[in-house]
């Protein structure tokens, strides 16, 4: 369409509009008969990610009294997924989200979980 043209009311709109915020899209399809297929997003942990997990575990131990009891269990779930032969990036992202909520009272933990989240999101897999 050229500038100034409008879409007729009876025309289907397959566009995507977003105003502000952040959008993380794994698979997306737009339009008539469009398909988005996923064969599982996978992630391979880097040495830097492993170092961040070690830092996370040490901080959890240091700040145990300030955190819910299950924070360590969730961190261990994250560690297990990262160490699995085929880590699932979606599982990792969900565990990091849960963990982020639990560690909010402790700034160093929020920072470490944030760095782990960035590492997962930036890694192509």
PDB file of N, CA and C in Angstrom:
ATOM      1  N   UNK A   1       0.837  -1.172   0.000  1.00  0.00           N
ATOM      2  CA  UNK A   1       0.000   0.000   0.000  1.00  0.00           C
ATOM      3  C   UNK A   1       0.879   1.231   0.000  1.00  0.00           C
ATOM      4  N   UNK A   2       0.398   2.226  -0.605  1.00  0.00           N
ATOM      5  CA  UNK A   2       1.139   3.482  -0.632  1.00  0.00           C
ATOM      6  C   UNK A   2       0.636   4.393   0.466  1.00  0.00           C
ATOM      7  N   UNK A   3       1.412   5.409   0.746  1.00  0.00           N
ATOM      8  CA  UNK A   3       1.047   6.341   1.801  1.00  0.00           C
ATOM      9  C   UNK A   3      -0.305   6.970   1.490  1.00  0.00           C
ATOM     10  N   UNK A   4      -1.151   7.030   2.490  1.00  0.00           N
ATOM     11  CA  UNK A   4      -2.452   7.635   2.322  1.00  0.00           C
ATOM     12  C   UNK A   4      -3.550   6.632   1.988  1.00  0.00           C
ATOM     13  N   UNK A   5      -3.188   5.442   1.512  1.00  0.00           N
ATOM     14  CA  UNK A   5      -4.193   4.428   1.213  1.00  0.00           C
ATOM     15  C   UNK A   5      -4.677   3.811   2.515  1.00  0.00           C
ATOM     16  N   UNK A   6      -5.909   3.377   2.521  1.00  0.00           N
ATOM     17  CA  UNK A   6      -6.453   2.695   3.687  1.00  0.00           C
ATOM     18  C   UNK A   6      -6.896   1.296   3.289  1.00  0.00           C
ATOM     19  N   UNK A   7      -6.948   0.425   4.259  1.00  0.00           N
ATOM     20  CA  UNK A   7      -7.387  -0.945   4.030  1.00  0.00           C
ATOM     21  C   UNK A   7      -8.911  -0.944   4.071  1.00  0.00           C
ATOM     22  N   UNK A   8      -9.568  -1.527   3.063  1.00  0.00           N
ATOM     23  CA  UNK A   8     -11.035  -1.587   3.095  1.00  0.00           C
ATOM     24  C   UNK A   8     -11.516  -2.363   4.320  1.00  0.00           C
ATOM     25  N   UNK A   9     -12.688  -2.000   4.830  1.00  0.00           N
ATOM     26  CA  UNK A   9     -13.250  -2.645   6.012  1.00  0.00           C
ATOM     27  C   UNK A   9     -13.465  -4.138   5.816  1.00  0.00           C
ATOM     28  N   UNK A  10     -13.730  -4.584   4.604  1.00  0.00           N
ATOM     29  CA  UNK A  10     -13.998  -5.998   4.373  1.00  0.00           C
ATOM     30  C   UNK A  10     -12.726  -6.798   4.092  1.00  0.00           C
ATOM     31  N   UNK A  11     -11.571  -6.150   4.149  1.00  0.00           N
ATOM     32  CA  UNK A  11     -10.300  -6.826   3.889  1.00  0.00           C
ATOM     33  C   UNK A  11      -9.757  -7.413   5.194  1.00  0.00           C
ATOM     34  N   UNK A  12      -9.367  -8.702   5.171  1.00  0.00           N
ATOM     35  CA  UNK A  12      -8.799  -9.267   6.407  1.00  0.00           C
ATOM     36  C   UNK A  12      -7.458  -8.595   6.722  1.00  0.00           C
ATOM     37  N   UNK A  13      -7.225  -8.374   7.978  1.00  0.00           N
ATOM     38  CA  UNK A  13      -5.979  -7.760   8.408  1.00  0.00           C
ATOM     39  C   UNK A  13      -5.121  -8.831   9.052  1.00  0.00           C
ATOM     40  N   UNK A  14      -4.033  -9.194   8.415  1.00  0.00           N
ATOM     41  CA  UNK A  14      -3.130 -10.204   8.965  1.00  0.00           C
ATOM     42  C   UNK A  14      -1.891  -9.579   9.573  1.00  0.00           C
ATOM     43  N   UNK A  15      -1.934  -8.308   9.796  1.00  0.00           N
ATOM     44  CA  UNK A  15      -0.779  -7.609  10.338  1.00  0.00           C
ATOM     45  C   UNK A  15      -0.624  -7.816  11.830  1.00  0.00           C
ATOM     46  N   UNK A  16       0.501  -7.383  12.322  1.00  0.00           N
ATOM     47  CA  UNK A  16       0.809  -7.462  13.746  1.00  0.00           C
ATOM     48  C   UNK A  16       1.090  -6.053  14.210  1.00  0.00           C
ATOM     49  N   UNK A  17       0.461  -5.666  15.298  1.00  0.00           N
ATOM     50  CA  UNK A  17       0.709  -4.349  15.855  1.00  0.00           C
ATOM     51  C   UNK A  17       1.148  -4.514  17.294  1.00  0.00           C
ATOM     52  N   UNK A  18       2.150  -3.751  17.673  1.00  0.00           N
ATOM     53  CA  UNK A  18       2.604  -3.765  19.050  1.00  0.00           C
ATOM     54  C   UNK A  18       2.968  -2.345  19.412  1.00  0.00           C
ATOM     55  N   UNK A  19       2.560  -1.935  20.587  1.00  0.00           N
ATOM     56  CA  UNK A  19       2.875  -0.604  21.050  1.00  0.00           C
ATOM     57  C   UNK A  19       3.631  -0.730  22.357  1.00  0.00           C
ATOM     58  N   UNK A  20       4.920  -0.447  22.301  1.00  0.00           N
ATOM     59  CA  UNK A  20       5.736  -0.517  23.504  1.00  0.00           C
ATOM     60  C   UNK A  20       5.975  -1.932  23.972  1.00  0.00           C
ATOM     61  N   UNK A  21       6.665  -2.072  25.065  1.00  0.00           N
ATOM     62  CA  UNK A  21       6.910  -3.379  25.649  1.00  0.00           C
ATOM     63  C   UNK A  21       7.950  -4.185  24.910  1.00  0.00           C
ATOM     64  N   UNK A  22       8.025  -5.442  25.247  1.00  0.00           N
ATOM     65  CA  UNK A  22       8.991  -6.356  24.671  1.00  0.00           C
ATOM     66  C   UNK A  22       8.240  -7.561  24.148  1.00  0.00           C
ATOM     67  N   UNK A  23       8.633  -8.030  23.000  1.00  0.00           N
ATOM     68  CA  UNK A  23       8.003  -9.207  22.428  1.00  0.00           C
ATOM     69  C   UNK A  23       9.074 -10.243  22.124  1.00  0.00           C
ATOM     70  N   UNK A  24       8.955 -11.403  22.748  1.00  0.00           N
ATOM     71  CA  UNK A  24       9.852 -12.514  22.469  1.00  0.00           C
ATOM     72  C   UNK A  24       9.021 -13.587  21.777  1.00  0.00           C
ATOM     73  N   UNK A  25       9.338 -13.846  20.539  1.00  0.00           N
ATOM     74  CA  UNK A  25       8.541 -14.785  19.760  1.00  0.00           C
ATOM     75  C   UNK A  25       9.418 -15.955  19.347  1.00  0.00           C
ATOM     76  N   UNK A  26       8.971 -17.152  19.685  1.00  0.00           N
ATOM     77  CA  UNK A  26       9.688 -18.348  19.257  1.00  0.00           C
ATOM     78  C   UNK A  26       9.326 -18.692  17.831  1.00  0.00           C
ATOM     79  N   UNK A  27       8.088 -19.015  17.610  1.00  0.00           N
ATOM     80  CA  UNK A  27       7.563 -19.335  16.288  1.00  0.00           C
ATOM     81  C   UNK A  27       6.333 -18.482  16.078  1.00  0.00           C
ATOM     82  N   UNK A  28       6.207 -17.960  14.883  1.00  0.00           N
ATOM     83  CA  UNK A  28       5.071 -17.108  14.601  1.00  0.00           C
ATOM     84  C   UNK A  28       4.691 -17.253  13.142  1.00  0.00           C
ATOM     85  N   UNK A  29       3.410 -17.299  12.891  1.00  0.00           N
ATOM     86  CA  UNK A  29       2.913 -17.342  11.526  1.00  0.00           C
ATOM     87  C   UNK A  29       1.780 -16.340  11.406  1.00  0.00           C
ATOM     88  N   UNK A  30       1.746 -15.619  10.297  1.00  0.00           N
ATOM     89  CA  UNK A  30       0.726 -14.598  10.089  1.00  0.00           C
ATOM     90  C   UNK A  30       0.173 -14.760   8.684  1.00  0.00           C
ATOM     91  N   UNK A  31      -1.126 -14.667   8.567  1.00  0.00           N
ATOM     92  CA  UNK A  31      -1.732 -14.704   7.245  1.00  0.00           C
ATOM     93  C   UNK A  31      -2.538 -15.961   7.016  1.00  0.00           C
ATOM     94  N   UNK A  32      -3.295 -15.910   5.970  1.00  0.00           N
ATOM     95  CA  UNK A  32      -4.155 -17.032   5.635  1.00  0.00           C
ATOM     96  C   UNK A  32      -3.316 -18.273   5.350  1.00  0.00           C
ATOM     97  N   UNK A  33      -3.679 -19.384   5.978  1.00  0.00           N
ATOM     98  CA  UNK A  33      -2.998 -20.671   5.843  1.00  0.00           C
ATOM     99  C   UNK A  33      -1.552 -20.673   6.338  1.00  0.00           C
ATOM    100  N   UNK A  34      -1.185 -19.685   7.104  1.00  0.00           N
ATOM    101  CA  UNK A  34       0.183 -19.631   7.638  1.00  0.00           C
ATOM    102  C   UNK A  34       0.346 -20.673   8.730  1.00  0.00           C
ATOM    103  N   UNK A  35       1.551 -21.203   8.874  1.00  0.00           N
ATOM    104  CA  UNK A  35       1.860 -22.193   9.911  1.00  0.00           C
ATOM    105  C   UNK A  35       3.181 -21.850  10.569  1.00  0.00           C
ATOM    106  N   UNK A  36       3.227 -22.084  11.840  1.00  0.00           N
ATOM    107  CA  UNK A  36       4.485 -21.967  12.583  1.00  0.00           C
ATOM    108  C   UNK A  36       4.723 -23.320  13.220  1.00  0.00           C
ATOM    109  N   UNK A  37       5.813 -23.935  12.894  1.00  0.00           N
ATOM    110  CA  UNK A  37       6.101 -25.272  13.384  1.00  0.00           C
ATOM    111  C   UNK A  37       7.320 -25.222  14.287  1.00  0.00           C
ATOM    112  N   UNK A  38       7.229 -25.922  15.400  1.00  0.00           N
ATOM    113  CA  UNK A  38       8.352 -25.991  16.321  1.00  0.00           C
ATOM    114  C   UNK A  38       8.761 -27.444  16.484  1.00  0.00           C
ATOM    115  N   UNK A  39      10.024 -27.654  16.427  1.00  0.00           N
ATOM    116  CA  UNK A  39      10.555 -28.989  16.685  1.00  0.00           C
ATOM    117  C   UNK A  39      11.350 -28.958  17.977  1.00  0.00           C
ATOM    118  N   UNK A  40      10.947 -28.049  18.859  1.00  0.00           N
ATOM    119  CA  UNK A  40      11.598 -27.930  20.159  1.00  0.00           C
ATOM    120  C   UNK A  40      12.777 -26.979  20.106  1.00  0.00           C
ATOM    121  N   UNK A  41      12.657 -25.900  20.838  1.00  0.00           N
ATOM    122  CA  UNK A  41      13.780 -24.973  20.948  1.00  0.00           C
ATOM    123  C   UNK A  41      14.761 -25.567  21.938  1.00  0.00           C
ATOM    124  N   UNK A  42      15.994 -25.682  21.527  1.00  0.00           N
ATOM    125  CA  UNK A  42      16.994 -26.253  22.414  1.00  0.00           C
ATOM    126  C   UNK A  42      18.100 -25.256  22.670  1.00  0.00           C
ATOM    127  N   UNK A  43      18.772 -25.467  23.738  1.00  0.00           N
ATOM    128  CA  UNK A  43      19.780 -24.540  24.211  1.00  0.00           C
ATOM    129  C   UNK A  43      20.976 -25.343  24.686  1.00  0.00           C
ATOM    130  N   UNK A  44      22.159 -24.902  24.347  1.00  0.00           N
ATOM    131  CA  UNK A  44      23.369 -25.529  24.857  1.00  0.00           C
ATOM    132  C   UNK A  44      24.034 -24.530  25.798  1.00  0.00           C
ATOM    133  N   UNK A  45      24.185 -24.928  27.037  1.00  0.00           N
ATOM    134  CA  UNK A  45      24.761 -24.032  28.036  1.00  0.00           C
ATOM    135  C   UNK A  45      26.220 -23.741  27.712  1.00  0.00           C
ATOM    136  N   UNK A  46      26.585 -22.480  27.839  1.00  0.00           N
ATOM    137  CA  UNK A  46      27.968 -22.072  27.618  1.00  0.00           C
ATOM    138  C   UNK A  46      28.706 -22.084  28.960  1.00  0.00           C
ATOM    139  N   UNK A  47      30.026 -22.022  28.920  1.00  0.00           N
ATOM    140  CA  UNK A  47      30.771 -21.946  30.189  1.00  0.00           C
ATOM    141  C   UNK A  47      30.347 -20.740  31.028  1.00  0.00           C
ATOM    142  N   UNK A  48      30.031 -19.615  30.373  1.00  0.00           N
ATOM    143  CA  UNK A  48      29.588 -18.428  31.116  1.00  0.00           C
ATOM    144  C   UNK A  48      28.271 -18.707  31.827  1.00  0.00           C
ATOM    145  N   UNK A  49      27.377 -19.438  31.169  1.00  0.00           N
ATOM    146  CA  UNK A  49      26.099 -19.790  31.787  1.00  0.00           C
ATOM    147  C   UNK A  49      26.346 -20.677  33.005  1.00  0.00           C
ATOM    148  N   UNK A  50      27.252 -21.629  32.875  1.00  0.00           N
ATOM    149  CA  UNK A  50      27.572 -22.512  33.996  1.00  0.00           C
ATOM    150  C   UNK A  50      28.145 -21.724  35.170  1.00  0.00           C
ATOM    151  N   UNK A  51      28.963 -20.713  34.877  1.00  0.00           N
ATOM    152  CA  UNK A  51      29.518 -19.864  35.933  1.00  0.00           C
ATOM    153  C   UNK A  51      28.414 -19.069  36.630  1.00  0.00           C
ATOM    154  N   UNK A  52      27.449 -18.589  35.840  1.00  0.00           N
ATOM    155  CA  UNK A  52      26.325 -17.852  36.426  1.00  0.00           C
ATOM    156  C   UNK A  52      25.474 -18.754  37.317  1.00  0.00           C
ATOM    157  N   UNK A  53      25.295 -19.997  36.918  1.00  0.00           N
ATOM    158  CA  UNK A  53      24.529 -20.937  37.748  1.00  0.00           C
ATOM    159  C   UNK A  53      25.281 -21.196  39.057  1.00  0.00           C
ATOM    160  N   UNK A  54      26.582 -21.345  38.995  1.00  0.00           N
ATOM    161  CA  UNK A  54      27.376 -21.544  40.218  1.00  0.00           C
ATOM    162  C   UNK A  54      27.248 -20.324  41.135  1.00  0.00           C
ATOM    163  N   UNK A  55      27.293 -19.140  40.543  1.00  0.00           N
ATOM    164  CA  UNK A  55      27.122 -17.908  41.320  1.00  0.00           C
ATOM    165  C   UNK A  55      25.716 -17.860  41.937  1.00  0.00           C
ATOM    166  N   UNK A  56      24.722 -18.244  41.147  1.00  0.00           N
ATOM    167  CA  UNK A  56      23.340 -18.280  41.633  1.00  0.00           C
ATOM    168  C   UNK A  56      23.217 -19.193  42.853  1.00  0.00           C
ATOM    169  N   UNK A  57      23.782 -20.389  42.754  1.00  0.00           N
ATOM    170  CA  UNK A  57      23.678 -21.352  43.857  1.00  0.00           C
ATOM    171  C   UNK A  57      24.365 -20.813  45.118  1.00  0.00           C
ATOM    172  N   UNK A  58      25.525 -20.174  44.950  1.00  0.00           N
ATOM    173  CA  UNK A  58      26.241 -19.609  46.106  1.00  0.00           C
ATOM    174  C   UNK A  58      25.431 -18.474  46.747  1.00  0.00           C
ATOM    175  N   UNK A  59      24.831 -17.618  45.908  1.00  0.00           N
ATOM    176  CA  UNK A  59      24.015 -16.520  46.438  1.00  0.00           C
ATOM    177  C   UNK A  59      22.763 -17.039  47.132  1.00  0.00           C
ATOM    178  N   UNK A  60      22.161 -18.079  46.584  1.00  0.00           N
ATOM    179  CA  UNK A  60      20.987 -18.672  47.234  1.00  0.00           C
ATOM    180  C   UNK A  60      21.336 -19.190  48.624  1.00  0.00           C
ATOM    181  N   UNK A  61      22.485 -19.831  48.732  1.00  0.00           N
ATOM    182  CA  UNK A  61      22.933 -20.348  50.027  1.00  0.00           C
ATOM    183  C   UNK A  61      23.172 -19.187  51.008  1.00  0.00           C
ATOM    184  N   UNK A  62      23.831 -18.141  50.514  1.00  0.00           N
ATOM    185  CA  UNK A  62      24.162 -16.995  51.361  1.00  0.00           C
ATOM    186  C   UNK A  62      22.907 -16.261  51.854  1.00  0.00           C
ATOM    187  N   UNK A  63      21.863 -16.212  51.033  1.00  0.00           N
ATOM    188  CA  UNK A  63      20.664 -15.435  51.361  1.00  0.00           C
ATOM    189  C   UNK A  63      19.459 -16.325  51.670  1.00  0.00           C
ATOM    190  N   UNK A  64      19.723 -17.550  52.065  1.00  0.00           N
ATOM    191  CA  UNK A  64      18.664 -18.543  52.311  1.00  0.00           C
ATOM    192  C   UNK A  64      17.560 -18.013  53.233  1.00  0.00           C
ATOM    193  N   UNK A  65      17.924 -17.301  54.278  1.00  0.00           N
ATOM    194  CA  UNK A  65      16.944 -16.822  55.258  1.00  0.00           C
ATOM    195  C   UNK A  65      15.983 -15.791  54.676  1.00  0.00           C
ATOM    196  N   UNK A  66      16.372 -15.132  53.586  1.00  0.00           N
ATOM    197  CA  UNK A  66      15.546 -14.075  52.997  1.00  0.00           C
ATOM    198  C   UNK A  66      14.629 -14.581  51.887  1.00  0.00           C
ATOM    199  N   UNK A  67      14.712 -15.873  51.572  1.00  0.00           N
ATOM    200  CA  UNK A  67      14.023 -16.412  50.404  1.00  0.00           C
ATOM    201  C   UNK A  67      13.059 -17.526  50.765  1.00  0.00           C
ATOM    202  N   UNK A  68      12.078 -17.761  49.888  1.00  0.00           N
ATOM    203  CA  UNK A  68      11.203 -18.921  50.119  1.00  0.00           C
ATOM    204  C   UNK A  68      12.016 -20.215  50.055  1.00  0.00           C
ATOM    205  N   UNK A  69      11.588 -21.225  50.800  1.00  0.00           N
ATOM    206  CA  UNK A  69      12.304 -22.506  50.852  1.00  0.00           C
ATOM    207  C   UNK A  69      12.474 -23.130  49.471  1.00  0.00           C
ATOM    208  N   UNK A  70      11.470 -22.986  48.614  1.00  0.00           N
ATOM    209  CA  UNK A  70      11.527 -23.654  47.309  1.00  0.00           C
ATOM    210  C   UNK A  70      12.455 -22.974  46.304  1.00  0.00           C
ATOM    211  N   UNK A  71      13.043 -21.828  46.638  1.00  0.00           N
ATOM    212  CA  UNK A  71      13.938 -21.140  45.701  1.00  0.00           C
ATOM    213  C   UNK A  71      15.118 -22.034  45.312  1.00  0.00           C
ATOM    214  N   UNK A  72      15.693 -22.735  46.275  1.00  0.00           N
ATOM    215  CA  UNK A  72      16.813 -23.621  45.974  1.00  0.00           C
ATOM    216  C   UNK A  72      16.368 -24.779  45.093  1.00  0.00           C
ATOM    217  N   UNK A  73      15.195 -25.318  45.358  1.00  0.00           N
ATOM    218  CA  UNK A  73      14.673 -26.416  44.526  1.00  0.00           C
ATOM    219  C   UNK A  73      14.473 -25.965  43.081  1.00  0.00           C
ATOM    220  N   UNK A  74      13.954 -24.760  42.898  1.00  0.00           N
ATOM    221  CA  UNK A  74      13.743 -24.230  41.546  1.00  0.00           C
ATOM    222  C   UNK A  74      15.092 -24.012  40.863  1.00  0.00           C
ATOM    223  N   UNK A  75      16.064 -23.501  41.600  1.00  0.00           N
ATOM    224  CA  UNK A  75      17.405 -23.312  41.030  1.00  0.00           C
ATOM    225  C   UNK A  75      18.026 -24.645  40.637  1.00  0.00           C
ATOM    226  N   UNK A  76      17.795 -25.679  41.447  1.00  0.00           N
ATOM    227  CA  UNK A  76      18.305 -27.012  41.101  1.00  0.00           C
ATOM    228  C   UNK A  76      17.614 -27.560  39.861  1.00  0.00           C
ATOM    229  N   UNK A  77      16.330 -27.254  39.706  1.00  0.00           N
ATOM    230  CA  UNK A  77      15.598 -27.645  38.495  1.00  0.00           C
ATOM    231  C   UNK A  77      16.229 -26.975  37.265  1.00  0.00           C
ATOM    232  N   UNK A  78      16.569 -25.699  37.418  1.00  0.00           N
ATOM    233  CA  UNK A  78      17.239 -24.969  36.337  1.00  0.00           C
ATOM    234  C   UNK A  78      18.580 -25.624  36.011  1.00  0.00           C
ATOM    235  N   UNK A  79      19.356 -25.902  37.024  1.00  0.00           N
ATOM    236  CA  UNK A  79      20.668 -26.512  36.850  1.00  0.00           C
ATOM    237  C   UNK A  79      20.541 -27.874  36.155  1.00  0.00           C
ATOM    238  N   UNK A  80      19.578 -28.676  36.575  1.00  0.00           N
ATOM    239  CA  UNK A  80      19.367 -29.989  35.956  1.00  0.00           C
ATOM    240  C   UNK A  80      19.008 -29.854  34.477  1.00  0.00           C
ATOM    241  N   UNK A  81      18.136 -28.901  34.162  1.00  0.00           N
ATOM    242  CA  UNK A  81      17.735 -28.715  32.765  1.00  0.00           C
ATOM    243  C   UNK A  81      18.917 -28.250  31.921  1.00  0.00           C
ATOM    244  N   UNK A  82      19.712 -27.330  32.460  1.00  0.00           N
ATOM    245  CA  UNK A  82      20.880 -26.843  31.717  1.00  0.00           C
ATOM    246  C   UNK A  82      21.909 -27.945  31.487  1.00  0.00           C
ATOM    247  N   UNK A  83      21.998 -28.892  32.434  1.00  0.00           N
ATOM    248  CA  UNK A  83      22.972 -29.974  32.321  1.00  0.00           C
ATOM    249  C   UNK A  83      22.443 -31.177  31.553  1.00  0.00           C
ATOM    250  N   UNK A  84      21.163 -31.167  31.195  1.00  0.00           N
ATOM    251  CA  UNK A  84      20.599 -32.311  30.474  1.00  0.00           C
ATOM    252  C   UNK A  84      21.195 -32.378  29.062  1.00  0.00           C
ATOM    253  N   UNK A  85      21.177 -33.561  28.447  1.00  0.00           N
ATOM    254  CA  UNK A  85      21.763 -33.717  27.115  1.00  0.00           C
ATOM    255  C   UNK A  85      21.132 -32.798  26.063  1.00  0.00           C
ATOM    256  N   UNK A  86      19.842 -32.535  26.202  1.00  0.00           N
ATOM    257  CA  UNK A  86      19.151 -31.646  25.268  1.00  0.00           C
ATOM    258  C   UNK A  86      18.279 -30.673  26.051  1.00  0.00           C
ATOM    259  N   UNK A  87      18.892 -29.632  26.624  1.00  0.00           N
ATOM    260  CA  UNK A  87      18.113 -28.687  27.424  1.00  0.00           C
ATOM    261  C   UNK A  87      17.042 -28.008  26.570  1.00  0.00           C
ATOM    262  N   UNK A  88      15.879 -27.844  27.144  1.00  0.00           N
ATOM    263  CA  UNK A  88      14.760 -27.201  26.463  1.00  0.00           C
ATOM    264  C   UNK A  88      14.723 -25.730  26.865  1.00  0.00           C
ATOM    265  N   UNK A  89      14.889 -24.870  25.902  1.00  0.00           N
ATOM    266  CA  UNK A  89      14.955 -23.430  26.151  1.00  0.00           C
ATOM    267  C   UNK A  89      13.665 -22.903  26.768  1.00  0.00           C
ATOM    268  N   UNK A  90      12.524 -23.440  26.361  1.00  0.00           N
ATOM    269  CA  UNK A  90      11.249 -23.010  26.930  1.00  0.00           C
ATOM    270  C   UNK A  90      11.140 -23.347  28.405  1.00  0.00           C
ATOM    271  N   UNK A  91      11.570 -24.545  28.771  1.00  0.00           N
ATOM    272  CA  UNK A  91      11.567 -24.959  30.181  1.00  0.00           C
ATOM    273  C   UNK A  91      12.493 -24.047  30.972  1.00  0.00           C
ATOM    274  N   UNK A  92      13.662 -23.785  30.427  1.00  0.00           N
ATOM    275  CA  UNK A  92      14.638 -22.921  31.107  1.00  0.00           C
ATOM    276  C   UNK A  92      14.044 -21.534  31.334  1.00  0.00           C
ATOM    277  N   UNK A  93      13.397 -20.993  30.319  1.00  0.00           N
ATOM    278  CA  UNK A  93      12.806 -19.655  30.441  1.00  0.00           C
ATOM    279  C   UNK A  93      11.721 -19.627  31.520  1.00  0.00           C
ATOM    280  N   UNK A  94      10.886 -20.651  31.568  1.00  0.00           N
ATOM    281  CA  UNK A  94       9.821 -20.698  32.581  1.00  0.00           C
ATOM    282  C   UNK A  94      10.401 -20.826  33.994  1.00  0.00           C
ATOM    283  N   UNK A  95      11.437 -21.643  34.149  1.00  0.00           N
ATOM    284  CA  UNK A  95      12.059 -21.807  35.467  1.00  0.00           C
ATOM    285  C   UNK A  95      12.710 -20.491  35.893  1.00  0.00           C
ATOM    286  N   UNK A  96      13.370 -19.811  34.969  1.00  0.00           N
ATOM    287  CA  UNK A  96      13.986 -18.525  35.291  1.00  0.00           C
ATOM    288  C   UNK A  96      12.934 -17.495  35.697  1.00  0.00           C
ATOM    289  N   UNK A  97      11.791 -17.521  35.050  1.00  0.00           N
ATOM    290  CA  UNK A  97      10.710 -16.595  35.403  1.00  0.00           C
ATOM    291  C   UNK A  97      10.227 -16.850  36.835  1.00  0.00           C
ATOM    292  N   UNK A  98      10.029 -18.125  37.180  1.00  0.00           N
ATOM    293  CA  UNK A  98       9.619 -18.476  38.546  1.00  0.00           C
ATOM    294  C   UNK A  98      10.674 -18.045  39.551  1.00  0.00           C
ATOM    295  N   UNK A  99      11.914 -18.317  39.223  1.00  0.00           N
ATOM    296  CA  UNK A  99      13.017 -17.987  40.114  1.00  0.00           C
ATOM    297  C   UNK A  99      13.124 -16.472  40.307  1.00  0.00           C
ATOM    298  N   UNK A 100      12.953 -15.730  39.243  1.00  0.00           N
ATOM    299  CA  UNK A 100      13.030 -14.276  39.321  1.00  0.00           C
ATOM    300  C   UNK A 100      12.007 -13.723  40.312  1.00  0.00           C
ATOM    301  N   UNK A 101      10.820 -14.281  40.307  1.00  0.00           N
ATOM    302  CA  UNK A 101       9.783 -13.848  41.242  1.00  0.00           C
ATOM    303  C   UNK A 101      10.190 -14.140  42.685  1.00  0.00           C
ATOM    304  N   UNK A 102      10.808 -15.282  42.908  1.00  0.00           N
ATOM    305  CA  UNK A 102      11.182 -15.692  44.267  1.00  0.00           C
ATOM    306  C   UNK A 102      12.329 -14.879  44.850  1.00  0.00           C
ATOM    307  N   UNK A 103      13.252 -14.419  44.015  1.00  0.00           N
ATOM    308  CA  UNK A 103      14.467 -13.770  44.530  1.00  0.00           C
ATOM    309  C   UNK A 103      14.375 -12.249  44.589  1.00  0.00           C
ATOM    310  N   UNK A 104      13.215 -11.696  44.273  1.00  0.00           N
ATOM    311  CA  UNK A 104      13.071 -10.233  44.226  1.00  0.00           C
ATOM    312  C   UNK A 104      13.574  -9.501  45.473  1.00  0.00           C
ATOM    313  N   UNK A 105      13.470 -10.062  46.674  1.00  0.00           N
ATOM    314  CA  UNK A 105      13.961  -9.309  47.840  1.00  0.00           C
ATOM    315  C   UNK A 105      15.487  -9.157  47.891  1.00  0.00           C
ATOM    316  N   UNK A 106      16.224  -9.866  47.051  1.00  0.00           N
ATOM    317  CA  UNK A 106      17.688  -9.869  47.154  1.00  0.00           C
ATOM    318  C   UNK A 106      18.294  -9.381  45.826  1.00  0.00           C
ATOM    319  N   UNK A 107      18.754  -8.141  45.823  1.00  0.00           N
ATOM    320  CA  UNK A 107      19.251  -7.510  44.592  1.00  0.00           C
ATOM    321  C   UNK A 107      20.328  -8.317  43.860  1.00  0.00           C
ATOM    322  N   UNK A 108      21.351  -8.861  44.530  1.00  0.00           N
ATOM    323  CA  UNK A 108      22.366  -9.612  43.786  1.00  0.00           C
ATOM    324  C   UNK A 108      21.782 -10.835  43.063  1.00  0.00           C
ATOM    325  N   UNK A 109      20.773 -11.447  43.662  1.00  0.00           N
ATOM    326  CA  UNK A 109      20.131 -12.598  43.024  1.00  0.00           C
ATOM    327  C   UNK A 109      19.307 -12.157  41.819  1.00  0.00           C
ATOM    328  N   UNK A 110      18.630 -11.047  41.926  1.00  0.00           N
ATOM    329  CA  UNK A 110      17.850 -10.518  40.801  1.00  0.00           C
ATOM    330  C   UNK A 110      18.784 -10.249  39.625  1.00  0.00           C
ATOM    331  N   UNK A 111      19.943  -9.690  39.913  1.00  0.00           N
ATOM    332  CA  UNK A 111      20.927  -9.396  38.868  1.00  0.00           C
ATOM    333  C   UNK A 111      21.438 -10.686  38.214  1.00  0.00           C
ATOM    334  N   UNK A 112      21.746 -11.685  39.009  1.00  0.00           N
ATOM    335  CA  UNK A 112      22.266 -12.945  38.472  1.00  0.00           C
ATOM    336  C   UNK A 112      21.206 -13.674  37.641  1.00  0.00           C
ATOM    337  N   UNK A 113      19.980 -13.713  38.133  1.00  0.00           N
ATOM    338  CA  UNK A 113      18.902 -14.344  37.365  1.00  0.00           C
ATOM    339  C   UNK A 113      18.677 -13.567  36.069  1.00  0.00           C
ATOM    340  N   UNK A 114      18.775 -12.253  36.122  1.00  0.00           N
ATOM    341  CA  UNK A 114      18.641 -11.431  34.919  1.00  0.00           C
ATOM    342  C   UNK A 114      19.726 -11.745  33.902  1.00  0.00           C
ATOM    343  N   UNK A 115      20.952 -11.911  34.365  1.00  0.00           N
ATOM    344  CA  UNK A 115      22.055 -12.253  33.462  1.00  0.00           C
ATOM    345  C   UNK A 115      21.850 -13.631  32.841  1.00  0.00           C
ATOM    346  N   UNK A 116      21.369 -14.575  33.628  1.00  0.00           N
ATOM    347  CA  UNK A 116      21.070 -15.914  33.096  1.00  0.00           C
ATOM    348  C   UNK A 116      19.974 -15.838  32.042  1.00  0.00           C
ATOM    349  N   UNK A 117      18.954 -15.051  32.310  1.00  0.00           N
ATOM    350  CA  UNK A 117      17.859 -14.888  31.364  1.00  0.00           C
ATOM    351  C   UNK A 117      18.367 -14.304  30.046  1.00  0.00           C
ATOM    352  N   UNK A 118      19.208 -13.289  30.129  1.00  0.00           N
ATOM    353  CA  UNK A 118      19.792 -12.683  28.920  1.00  0.00           C
ATOM    354  C   UNK A 118      20.621 -13.718  28.151  1.00  0.00           C
ATOM    355  N   UNK A 119      21.380 -14.520  28.878  1.00  0.00           N
ATOM    356  CA  UNK A 119      22.222 -15.532  28.227  1.00  0.00           C
ATOM    357  C   UNK A 119      21.363 -16.533  27.458  1.00  0.00           C
ATOM    358  N   UNK A 120      20.254 -16.949  28.040  1.00  0.00           N
ATOM    359  CA  UNK A 120      19.367 -17.906  27.386  1.00  0.00           C
ATOM    360  C   UNK A 120      18.685 -17.260  26.180  1.00  0.00           C
ATOM    361  N   UNK A 121      18.194 -16.036  26.346  1.00  0.00           N
ATOM    362  CA  UNK A 121      17.482 -15.364  25.275  1.00  0.00           C
ATOM    363  C   UNK A 121      18.381 -15.013  24.104  1.00  0.00           C
ATOM    364  N   UNK A 122      19.652 -14.743  24.380  1.00  0.00           N
ATOM    365  CA  UNK A 122      20.549 -14.324  23.301  1.00  0.00           C
ATOM    366  C   UNK A 122      21.180 -15.495  22.547  1.00  0.00           C
ATOM    367  N   UNK A 123      21.057 -16.683  23.109  1.00  0.00           N
ATOM    368  CA  UNK A 123      21.697 -17.836  22.488  1.00  0.00           C
ATOM    369  C   UNK A 123      20.789 -18.407  21.426  1.00  0.00           C
ATOM    370  N   UNK A 124      21.257 -18.449  20.215  1.00  0.00           N
ATOM    371  CA  UNK A 124      20.479 -19.070  19.135  1.00  0.00           C
ATOM    372  C   UNK A 124      20.495 -20.564  19.302  1.00  0.00           C
ATOM    373  N   UNK A 125      19.339 -21.192  19.157  1.00  0.00           N
ATOM    374  CA  UNK A 125      19.341 -22.620  19.384  1.00  0.00           C
ATOM    375  C   UNK A 125      18.440 -23.356  18.517  1.00  0.00           C
TER     376      UNK A 125
END
